[in-house]
C-alpha atoms as a PDB file:
ATOM      1  CA  MET A   1      26.154 -20.261  29.420  1.00  0.00           C
ATOM      2  CA  ASP A   2      28.684 -18.826  31.818  1.00  0.00           C
ATOM      3  CA  ILE A   3      28.014 -16.241  34.514  1.00  0.00           C
ATOM      4  CA  PHE A   4      26.094 -13.259  33.128  1.00  0.00           C
ATOM      5  CA  GLU A   5      24.219 -10.074  34.019  1.00  0.00           C
ATOM      6  CA  ALA A   6      20.549  -9.416  33.320  1.00  0.00           C
ATOM      7  CA  THR A   7      17.854  -6.832  34.045  1.00  0.00           C
ATOM      8  CA  TYR A   8      15.533  -7.629  36.953  1.00  0.00           C
ATOM      9  CA  LYS A   9      11.951  -7.580  35.651  1.00  0.00           C
ATOM     10  CA  GLY A  10      10.050  -8.400  38.831  1.00  0.00           C
ATOM     11  CA  MET A  11       8.745 -11.120  41.080  1.00  0.00           C
ATOM     12  CA  GLN A  12       5.609 -13.076  41.889  1.00  0.00           C
ATOM     13  CA  GLU A  13       4.974 -14.783  45.182  1.00  0.00           C
ATOM     14  CA  ARG A  14       2.899 -17.880  45.818  1.00  0.00           C
ATOM     15  CA  LYS A  15       2.064 -19.641  49.060  1.00  0.00           C
ATOM     16  CA  SER A  16       3.514 -23.109  49.384  1.00  0.00           C
ATOM     17  CA  LYS A  17       1.313 -26.008  50.407  1.00  0.00           C
ATOM     18  CA  HIS A  18       4.176 -26.960  52.765  1.00  0.00           C
ATOM     19  CA  GLY A  19       4.157 -23.565  54.466  1.00  0.00           C
ATOM     20  CA  GLY A  20       6.147 -20.488  53.567  1.00  0.00           C
ATOM     21  CA  VAL A  21       6.287 -18.564  50.305  1.00  0.00           C
ATOM     22  CA  PHE A  22       7.783 -19.306  46.867  1.00  0.00           C
ATOM     23  CA  TYR A  23       9.224 -16.334  44.987  1.00  0.00           C
ATOM     24  CA  TYR A  24       9.420 -16.518  41.198  1.00  0.00           C
ATOM     25  CA  LEU A  25      12.028 -14.028  39.960  1.00  0.00           C
ATOM     26  CA  PHE A  26      12.137 -12.823  36.368  1.00  0.00           C
ATOM     27  CA  PHE A  27      15.067 -11.396  34.401  1.00  0.00           C
ATOM     28  CA  GLU A  28      15.784 -10.359  30.824  1.00  0.00           C
ATOM     29  CA  LYS A  29      18.944 -10.096  28.730  1.00  0.00           C
ATOM     30  CA  ASP A  30      19.130  -9.317  25.005  1.00  0.00           C
ATOM     31  CA  GLY A  31      15.385  -9.933  24.634  1.00  0.00           C
ATOM     32  CA  ILE A  32      15.588 -13.393  26.247  1.00  0.00           C
ATOM     33  CA  LYS A  33      13.541 -13.953  29.386  1.00  0.00           C
ATOM     34  CA  TYR A  34      15.031 -15.897  32.311  1.00  0.00           C
ATOM     35  CA  LYS A  35      13.524 -17.043  35.592  1.00  0.00           C
ATOM     36  CA  THR A  36      14.354 -18.713  38.858  1.00  0.00           C
ATOM     37  CA  MET A  37      12.575 -19.640  42.045  1.00  0.00           C
ATOM     38  CA  ALA A  38      13.518 -18.866  45.645  1.00  0.00           C
ATOM     39  CA  TYR A  39      11.886 -20.572  48.614  1.00  0.00           C
ATOM     40  CA  GLU A  40      12.310 -19.183  52.104  1.00  0.00           C
ATOM     41  CA  LYS A  41      12.806 -22.627  53.648  1.00  0.00           C
ATOM     42  CA  LEU A  42      15.794 -23.538  51.452  1.00  0.00           C
ATOM     43  CA  ARG A  43      19.423 -22.940  52.477  1.00  0.00           C
ATOM     44  CA  ASN A  44      20.171 -20.739  49.464  1.00  0.00           C
ATOM     45  CA  PHE A  45      17.325 -18.291  50.169  1.00  0.00           C
ATOM     46  CA  TYR A  46      19.662 -15.776  51.835  1.00  0.00           C
ATOM     47  CA  ARG A  47      21.343 -15.257  48.448  1.00  0.00           C
ATOM     48  CA  TRP A  48      18.088 -14.171  46.795  1.00  0.00           C
ATOM     49  CA  LYS A  49      16.544 -12.145  49.623  1.00  0.00           C
ATOM     50  CA  LYS A  50      18.171  -8.864  48.525  1.00  0.00           C
ATOM     51  CA  ILE A  51      17.115  -9.463  44.915  1.00  0.00           C
ATOM     52  CA  ILE A  52      13.462 -10.053  45.851  1.00  0.00           C
ATOM     53  CA  ASN A  53      13.254  -6.507  47.245  1.00  0.00           C
ATOM     54  CA  ALA A  54      15.306  -4.897  44.450  1.00  0.00           C
ATOM     55  CA  THR A  55      13.824  -2.233  42.183  1.00  0.00           C
ATOM     56  CA  ARG A  56      12.589  -3.454  38.813  1.00  0.00           C
ATOM     57  CA  GLY A  57      15.022  -2.469  36.097  1.00  0.00           C
ATOM     58  CA  CYS A  58      18.203  -2.832  38.121  1.00  0.00           C
ATOM     59  CA  THR A  59      21.059  -4.953  36.773  1.00  0.00           C
ATOM     60  CA  ILE A  60      21.778  -8.244  38.518  1.00  0.00           C
ATOM     61  CA  GLY A  61      25.089 -10.035  38.037  1.00  0.00           C
ATOM     62  CA  GLY A  62      26.439 -13.428  39.042  1.00  0.00           C
ATOM     63  CA  LEU A  63      23.649 -15.327  37.277  1.00  0.00           C
ATOM     64  CA  ARG A  64      24.160 -18.759  35.729  1.00  0.00           C
ATOM     65  CA  CYS A  65      21.702 -21.032  33.931  1.00  0.00           C
ATOM     66  CA  VAL A  66      21.266 -24.716  34.705  1.00  0.00           C
ATOM     67  CA  LYS A  67      19.096 -25.515  31.689  1.00  0.00           C
ATOM     68  CA  GLY A  68      17.740 -23.298  28.942  1.00  0.00           C
ATOM     69  CA  THR A  69      16.520 -20.065  30.523  1.00  0.00           C
ATOM     70  CA  LEU A  70      16.263 -21.436  34.072  1.00  0.00           C
ATOM     71  CA  ILE A  71      18.694 -19.643  36.395  1.00  0.00           C
ATOM     72  CA  ASP A  72      20.551 -21.785  38.938  1.00  0.00           C
ATOM     73  CA  GLY A  73      19.162 -21.181  42.428  1.00  0.00           C
ATOM     74  CA  ASN A  74      22.628 -21.847  43.850  1.00  0.00           C
ATOM     75  CA  CYS A  75      24.421 -19.073  41.956  1.00  0.00           C
ATOM     76  CA  ASN A  76      25.495 -15.905  43.778  1.00  0.00           C
ATOM     77  CA  PRO A  77      23.368 -13.026  42.478  1.00  0.00           C
ATOM     78  CA  GLU A  78      24.401  -9.474  43.226  1.00  0.00           C
ATOM     79  CA  ILE A  79      22.986  -6.071  42.427  1.00  0.00           C
ATOM     80  CA  ILE A  80      25.406  -4.480  39.937  1.00  0.00           C
ATOM     81  CA  LYS A  81      23.479  -1.306  39.105  1.00  0.00           C
ATOM     82  CA  GLU A  82      20.632   0.161  41.148  1.00  0.00           C
ATOM     83  CA  VAL A  83      17.757   2.036  39.562  1.00  0.00           C
ATOM     84  CA  ASN A  84      16.370   5.084  41.313  1.00  0.00           C
ATOM     85  CA  VAL A  85      12.698   5.663  40.777  1.00  0.00           C
ATOM     86  CA  ASN A  86      11.840   9.337  40.402  1.00  0.00           C
ATOM     87  CA  GLN A  87       8.452  10.500  41.531  1.00  0.00           C
ATOM     88  CA  PHE A  88       6.626  13.099  39.513  1.00  0.00           C
ATOM     89  CA  LYS A  89       3.260  14.787  39.734  1.00  0.00           C
ATOM     90  CA  MET A  90       0.555  13.881  37.259  1.00  0.00           C
ATOM     91  CA  ASP A  91      -2.735  15.744  37.004  1.00  0.00           C
ATOM     92  CA  PHE A  92      -5.797  13.693  36.164  1.00  0.00           C
ATOM     93  CA  GLU A  93      -8.968  15.604  35.444  1.00  0.00           C
END
């Protein structure tokens, strides 16, 4: 698959036994789920840092798969469309 855009679905973080934190990033496009991993001690981490803190539901471009639904950690992801989260009041009684 060539370079594509997908919706950012969220992230999980796990502590590494070698120190630092692994970030598992999840995306979805046309009902297909994709994932990648970012590790703060790798050279390419700076590319993913802005995506880790992105709002769920935003559109991320510049993605490329290496195998199946695994996104290449060396691609250049970018936020194409931000999502603004509106706050609203809910009454619980």
